[in-house]
Amino acid sequence: MTLHFDIPGGPPFSVPPEEVSGAYAGAEVRLLASLDSSADPRSAVKRGARFEHEDVYVLTFGNSA
């Protein structure tokens, strides 16, 4: 699971989907869910972000057959 928002700084730090794909270039990266977490009292939205999502990924390495 990662947090994705549109302002610099942290912690926590934003990890956009393209960074996840790049970090696991040898794997199949599939977004399982993207949940709006902007209502969390510690959300980056409270620091000025326009959005904050909790993104959940499934990573598959090698041949899954």
PDB file of N, CA and C in Angstrom:
ATOM      1  N   MET A   1       0.850  -1.174   0.000  1.00  0.00           N
ATOM      2  CA  MET A   1       0.000   0.000   0.000  1.00  0.00           C
ATOM      3  C   MET A   1       0.893   1.233   0.000  1.00  0.00           C
ATOM      4  N   THR A   2       0.482   2.235  -0.759  1.00  0.00           N
ATOM      5  CA  THR A   2       1.206   3.499  -0.798  1.00  0.00           C
ATOM      6  C   THR A   2       0.227   4.652  -0.581  1.00  0.00           C
ATOM      7  N   LEU A   3       0.776   5.805  -0.238  1.00  0.00           N
ATOM      8  CA  LEU A   3       0.004   7.047  -0.217  1.00  0.00           C
ATOM      9  C   LEU A   3       0.398   7.844  -1.452  1.00  0.00           C
ATOM     10  N   HIS A   4      -0.582   8.456  -2.091  1.00  0.00           N
ATOM     11  CA  HIS A   4      -0.329   9.276  -3.276  1.00  0.00           C
ATOM     12  C   HIS A   4      -1.065  10.595  -3.098  1.00  0.00           C
ATOM     13  N   PHE A   5      -0.303  11.696  -3.129  1.00  0.00           N
ATOM     14  CA  PHE A   5      -0.881  13.037  -3.037  1.00  0.00           C
ATOM     15  C   PHE A   5      -0.038  13.984  -3.862  1.00  0.00           C
ATOM     16  N   ASP A   6      -0.469  15.230  -4.001  1.00  0.00           N
ATOM     17  CA  ASP A   6       0.133  16.139  -4.984  1.00  0.00           C
ATOM     18  C   ASP A   6       0.947  17.295  -4.410  1.00  0.00           C
ATOM     19  N   ILE A   7       1.529  17.116  -3.241  1.00  0.00           N
ATOM     20  CA  ILE A   7       2.425  18.147  -2.703  1.00  0.00           C
ATOM     21  C   ILE A   7       3.734  17.488  -2.281  1.00  0.00           C
ATOM     22  N   PRO A   8       4.842  18.244  -2.303  1.00  0.00           N
ATOM     23  CA  PRO A   8       6.107  17.680  -1.860  1.00  0.00           C
ATOM     24  C   PRO A   8       6.173  17.616  -0.339  1.00  0.00           C
ATOM     25  N   GLY A   9       7.123  16.873   0.141  1.00  0.00           N
ATOM     26  CA  GLY A   9       7.373  16.818   1.576  1.00  0.00           C
ATOM     27  C   GLY A   9       6.798  15.585   2.229  1.00  0.00           C
ATOM     28  N   GLY A  10       7.049  15.483   3.480  1.00  0.00           N
ATOM     29  CA  GLY A  10       6.612  14.361   4.283  1.00  0.00           C
ATOM     30  C   GLY A  10       7.470  14.334   5.534  1.00  0.00           C
ATOM     31  N   PRO A  11       7.467  13.330   6.301  1.00  0.00           N
ATOM     32  CA  PRO A  11       6.741  12.085   6.086  1.00  0.00           C
ATOM     33  C   PRO A  11       5.270  12.219   6.441  1.00  0.00           C
ATOM     34  N   PRO A  12       4.454  11.350   5.943  1.00  0.00           N
ATOM     35  CA  PRO A  12       4.774  10.354   4.934  1.00  0.00           C
ATOM     36  C   PRO A  12       5.002  11.026   3.588  1.00  0.00           C
ATOM     37  N   PHE A  13       5.687  10.324   2.716  1.00  0.00           N
ATOM     38  CA  PHE A  13       5.994  10.827   1.388  1.00  0.00           C
ATOM     39  C   PHE A  13       5.052  10.203   0.365  1.00  0.00           C
ATOM     40  N   SER A  14       4.728  10.954  -0.651  1.00  0.00           N
ATOM     41  CA  SER A  14       3.869  10.459  -1.718  1.00  0.00           C
ATOM     42  C   SER A  14       4.638   9.491  -2.615  1.00  0.00           C
ATOM     43  N   VAL A  15       3.966   8.411  -3.011  1.00  0.00           N
ATOM     44  CA  VAL A  15       4.528   7.444  -3.964  1.00  0.00           C
ATOM     45  C   VAL A  15       3.518   7.301  -5.094  1.00  0.00           C
ATOM     46  N   PRO A  16       3.749   7.995  -6.218  1.00  0.00           N
ATOM     47  CA  PRO A  16       2.807   7.927  -7.337  1.00  0.00           C
ATOM     48  C   PRO A  16       2.872   6.567  -8.039  1.00  0.00           C
ATOM     49  N   PRO A  17       1.813   6.207  -8.758  1.00  0.00           N
ATOM     50  CA  PRO A  17       1.768   4.910  -9.441  1.00  0.00           C
ATOM     51  C   PRO A  17       2.960   4.655 -10.368  1.00  0.00           C
ATOM     52  N   GLU A  18       3.434   5.686 -11.077  1.00  0.00           N
ATOM     53  CA  GLU A  18       4.558   5.476 -11.985  1.00  0.00           C
ATOM     54  C   GLU A  18       5.842   5.139 -11.238  1.00  0.00           C
ATOM     55  N   GLU A  19       5.988   5.606 -10.010  1.00  0.00           N
ATOM     56  CA  GLU A  19       7.157   5.250  -9.205  1.00  0.00           C
ATOM     57  C   GLU A  19       7.084   3.776  -8.776  1.00  0.00           C
ATOM     58  N   VAL A  20       5.895   3.314  -8.457  1.00  0.00           N
ATOM     59  CA  VAL A  20       5.720   1.898  -8.096  1.00  0.00           C
ATOM     60  C   VAL A  20       6.063   1.027  -9.301  1.00  0.00           C
ATOM     61  N   SER A  21       5.533   1.376 -10.466  1.00  0.00           N
ATOM     62  CA  SER A  21       5.821   0.603 -11.684  1.00  0.00           C
ATOM     63  C   SER A  21       7.313   0.599 -11.996  1.00  0.00           C
ATOM     64  N   GLY A  22       7.972   1.731 -11.830  1.00  0.00           N
ATOM     65  CA  GLY A  22       9.402   1.814 -12.098  1.00  0.00           C
ATOM     66  C   GLY A  22      10.235   1.025 -11.107  1.00  0.00           C
ATOM     67  N   ALA A  23       9.825   1.019  -9.851  1.00  0.00           N
ATOM     68  CA  ALA A  23      10.573   0.297  -8.816  1.00  0.00           C
ATOM     69  C   ALA A  23      10.456  -1.211  -8.984  1.00  0.00           C
ATOM     70  N   TYR A  24       9.362  -1.662  -9.574  1.00  0.00           N
ATOM     71  CA  TYR A  24       9.126  -3.099  -9.765  1.00  0.00           C
ATOM     72  C   TYR A  24       8.990  -3.403 -11.254  1.00  0.00           C
ATOM     73  N   ALA A  25       9.940  -2.892 -12.035  1.00  0.00           N
ATOM     74  CA  ALA A  25       9.879  -3.028 -13.491  1.00  0.00           C
ATOM     75  C   ALA A  25       9.877  -4.486 -13.948  1.00  0.00           C
ATOM     76  N   GLY A  26      10.419  -5.396 -13.147  1.00  0.00           N
ATOM     77  CA  GLY A  26      10.453  -6.800 -13.512  1.00  0.00           C
ATOM     78  C   GLY A  26       9.203  -7.561 -13.136  1.00  0.00           C
ATOM     79  N   ALA A  27       8.227  -6.873 -12.590  1.00  0.00           N
ATOM     80  CA  ALA A  27       7.008  -7.528 -12.122  1.00  0.00           C
ATOM     81  C   ALA A  27       5.794  -6.967 -12.839  1.00  0.00           C
ATOM     82  N   GLU A  28       4.729  -7.734 -12.801  1.00  0.00           N
ATOM     83  CA  GLU A  28       3.432  -7.207 -13.229  1.00  0.00           C
ATOM     84  C   GLU A  28       2.883  -6.422 -12.043  1.00  0.00           C
ATOM     85  N   VAL A  29       2.582  -5.152 -12.252  1.00  0.00           N
ATOM     86  CA  VAL A  29       2.054  -4.283 -11.191  1.00  0.00           C
ATOM     87  C   VAL A  29       0.606  -3.974 -11.535  1.00  0.00           C
ATOM     88  N   ARG A  30      -0.297  -4.371 -10.641  1.00  0.00           N
ATOM     89  CA  ARG A  30      -1.718  -4.144 -10.893  1.00  0.00           C
ATOM     90  C   ARG A  30      -2.307  -3.388  -9.706  1.00  0.00           C
ATOM     91  N   LEU A  31      -2.961  -2.258  -9.999  1.00  0.00           N
ATOM     92  CA  LEU A  31      -3.637  -1.487  -8.969  1.00  0.00           C
ATOM     93  C   LEU A  31      -4.897  -2.234  -8.558  1.00  0.00           C
ATOM     94  N   LEU A  32      -4.978  -2.610  -7.292  1.00  0.00           N
ATOM     95  CA  LEU A  32      -6.117  -3.361  -6.779  1.00  0.00           C
ATOM     96  C   LEU A  32      -7.211  -2.424  -6.291  1.00  0.00           C
ATOM     97  N   ALA A  33      -6.813  -1.339  -5.607  1.00  0.00           N
ATOM     98  CA  ALA A  33      -7.789  -0.382  -5.077  1.00  0.00           C
ATOM     99  C   ALA A  33      -7.113   0.963  -4.873  1.00  0.00           C
ATOM    100  N   SER A  34      -7.890   2.020  -5.006  1.00  0.00           N
ATOM    101  CA  SER A  34      -7.436   3.371  -4.720  1.00  0.00           C
ATOM    102  C   SER A  34      -8.518   4.021  -3.872  1.00  0.00           C
ATOM    103  N   LEU A  35      -8.196   4.251  -2.610  1.00  0.00           N
ATOM    104  CA  LEU A  35      -9.180   4.733  -1.648  1.00  0.00           C
ATOM    105  C   LEU A  35      -8.911   6.183  -1.280  1.00  0.00           C
ATOM    106  N   ASP A  36      -9.936   6.996  -1.240  1.00  0.00           N
ATOM    107  CA  ASP A  36      -9.812   8.396  -0.838  1.00  0.00           C
ATOM    108  C   ASP A  36      -9.537   8.445   0.662  1.00  0.00           C
ATOM    109  N   SER A  37      -8.374   8.938   1.039  1.00  0.00           N
ATOM    110  CA  SER A  37      -8.032   9.031   2.464  1.00  0.00           C
ATOM    111  C   SER A  37      -7.915  10.481   2.921  1.00  0.00           C
ATOM    112  N   SER A  38      -8.518  11.400   2.184  1.00  0.00           N
ATOM    113  CA  SER A  38      -8.407  12.824   2.504  1.00  0.00           C
ATOM    114  C   SER A  38      -9.122  13.207   3.792  1.00  0.00           C
ATOM    115  N   ALA A  39     -10.026  12.391   4.290  1.00  0.00           N
ATOM    116  CA  ALA A  39     -10.739  12.704   5.534  1.00  0.00           C
ATOM    117  C   ALA A  39      -9.923  12.361   6.773  1.00  0.00           C
ATOM    118  N   ASP A  40      -8.840  11.611   6.605  1.00  0.00           N
ATOM    119  CA  ASP A  40      -7.984  11.259   7.742  1.00  0.00           C
ATOM    120  C   ASP A  40      -7.432  12.544   8.360  1.00  0.00           C
ATOM    121  N   PRO A  41      -7.472  12.675   9.668  1.00  0.00           N
ATOM    122  CA  PRO A  41      -6.977  13.911  10.306  1.00  0.00           C
ATOM    123  C   PRO A  41      -5.501  14.189  10.036  1.00  0.00           C
ATOM    124  N   ARG A  42      -4.725  13.180   9.671  1.00  0.00           N
ATOM    125  CA  ARG A  42      -3.303  13.368   9.369  1.00  0.00           C
ATOM    126  C   ARG A  42      -3.051  13.479   7.872  1.00  0.00           C
ATOM    127  N   SER A  43      -4.084  13.615   7.095  1.00  0.00           N
ATOM    128  CA  SER A  43      -3.990  13.633   5.636  1.00  0.00           C
ATOM    129  C   SER A  43      -3.139  14.790   5.125  1.00  0.00           C
ATOM    130  N   ALA A  44      -2.496  14.556   3.984  1.00  0.00           N
ATOM    131  CA  ALA A  44      -1.742  15.614   3.308  1.00  0.00           C
ATOM    132  C   ALA A  44      -2.667  16.741   2.854  1.00  0.00           C
ATOM    133  N   VAL A  45      -3.950  16.466   2.736  1.00  0.00           N
ATOM    134  CA  VAL A  45      -4.922  17.506   2.376  1.00  0.00           C
ATOM    135  C   VAL A  45      -4.921  18.601   3.442  1.00  0.00           C
ATOM    136  N   LYS A  46      -4.669  18.231   4.669  1.00  0.00           N
ATOM    137  CA  LYS A  46      -4.595  19.224   5.752  1.00  0.00           C
ATOM    138  C   LYS A  46      -3.362  20.115   5.597  1.00  0.00           C
ATOM    139  N   ARG A  47      -2.374  19.654   4.786  1.00  0.00           N
ATOM    140  CA  ARG A  47      -1.159  20.439   4.524  1.00  0.00           C
ATOM    141  C   ARG A  47      -1.220  21.131   3.174  1.00  0.00           C
ATOM    142  N   GLY A  48      -2.370  21.056   2.467  1.00  0.00           N
ATOM    143  CA  GLY A  48      -2.521  21.775   1.219  1.00  0.00           C
ATOM    144  C   GLY A  48      -2.652  20.923  -0.031  1.00  0.00           C
ATOM    145  N   ALA A  49      -2.597  19.612   0.096  1.00  0.00           N
ATOM    146  CA  ALA A  49      -2.761  18.743  -1.079  1.00  0.00           C
ATOM    147  C   ALA A  49      -4.198  18.829  -1.578  1.00  0.00           C
ATOM    148  N   ARG A  50      -4.365  18.627  -2.884  1.00  0.00           N
ATOM    149  CA  ARG A  50      -5.721  18.620  -3.458  1.00  0.00           C
ATOM    150  C   ARG A  50      -6.395  17.268  -3.296  1.00  0.00           C
ATOM    151  N   PHE A  51      -5.594  16.202  -3.124  1.00  0.00           N
ATOM    152  CA  PHE A  51      -6.145  14.859  -2.947  1.00  0.00           C
ATOM    153  C   PHE A  51      -5.148  14.010  -2.172  1.00  0.00           C
ATOM    154  N   GLU A  52      -5.627  12.926  -1.596  1.00  0.00           N
ATOM    155  CA  GLU A  52      -4.773  11.897  -1.018  1.00  0.00           C
ATOM    156  C   GLU A  52      -5.471  10.568  -1.208  1.00  0.00           C
ATOM    157  N   HIS A  53      -4.738   9.613  -1.794  1.00  0.00           N
ATOM    158  CA  HIS A  53      -5.269   8.270  -2.017  1.00  0.00           C
ATOM    159  C   HIS A  53      -4.368   7.249  -1.351  1.00  0.00           C
ATOM    160  N   GLU A  54      -4.967   6.209  -0.808  1.00  0.00           N
ATOM    161  CA  GLU A  54      -4.235   5.018  -0.402  1.00  0.00           C
ATOM    162  C   GLU A  54      -4.378   4.035  -1.559  1.00  0.00           C
ATOM    163  N   ASP A  55      -3.272   3.720  -2.202  1.00  0.00           N
ATOM    164  CA  ASP A  55      -3.282   2.819  -3.348  1.00  0.00           C
ATOM    165  C   ASP A  55      -2.760   1.454  -2.928  1.00  0.00           C
ATOM    166  N   VAL A  56      -3.497   0.416  -3.305  1.00  0.00           N
ATOM    167  CA  VAL A  56      -3.137  -0.960  -2.976  1.00  0.00           C
ATOM    168  C   VAL A  56      -2.802  -1.686  -4.284  1.00  0.00           C
ATOM    169  N   TYR A  57      -1.639  -2.319  -4.318  1.00  0.00           N
ATOM    170  CA  TYR A  57      -1.159  -2.995  -5.521  1.00  0.00           C
ATOM    171  C   TYR A  57      -0.992  -4.490  -5.289  1.00  0.00           C
ATOM    172  N   VAL A  58      -1.119  -5.231  -6.381  1.00  0.00           N
ATOM    173  CA  VAL A  58      -0.747  -6.640  -6.410  1.00  0.00           C
ATOM    174  C   VAL A  58       0.470  -6.727  -7.317  1.00  0.00           C
ATOM    175  N   LEU A  59       1.544  -7.305  -6.813  1.00  0.00           N
ATOM    176  CA  LEU A  59       2.771  -7.479  -7.584  1.00  0.00           C
ATOM    177  C   LEU A  59       2.930  -8.961  -7.888  1.00  0.00           C
ATOM    178  N   THR A  60       3.167  -9.286  -9.157  1.00  0.00           N
ATOM    179  CA  THR A  60       3.383 -10.668  -9.563  1.00  0.00           C
ATOM    180  C   THR A  60       4.759 -10.755 -10.190  1.00  0.00           C
ATOM    181  N   PHE A  61       5.607 -11.606  -9.614  1.00  0.00           N
ATOM    182  CA  PHE A  61       6.982 -11.770 -10.081  1.00  0.00           C
ATOM    183  C   PHE A  61       7.114 -13.085 -10.836  1.00  0.00           C
ATOM    184  N   GLY A  62       7.812 -13.045 -11.949  1.00  0.00           N
ATOM    185  CA  GLY A  62       8.079 -14.257 -12.710  1.00  0.00           C
ATOM    186  C   GLY A  62       6.847 -14.834 -13.357  1.00  0.00           C
ATOM    187  N   ASN A  63       6.962 -16.060 -13.770  1.00  0.00           N
ATOM    188  CA  ASN A  63       5.873 -16.759 -14.445  1.00  0.00           C
ATOM    189  C   ASN A  63       4.903 -17.298 -13.407  1.00  0.00           C
ATOM    190  N   SER A  64       3.665 -16.859 -13.466  1.00  0.00           N
ATOM    191  CA  SER A  64       2.662 -17.284 -12.487  1.00  0.00           C
ATOM    192  C   SER A  64       1.930 -18.545 -12.923  1.00  0.00           C
ATOM    193  N   ALA A  65       2.286 -19.124 -14.063  1.00  0.00           N
ATOM    194  CA  ALA A  65       1.616 -20.319 -14.558  1.00  0.00           C
ATOM    195  C   ALA A  65       2.087 -21.570 -13.861  1.00  0.00           C
TER     196      ALA A  65
END
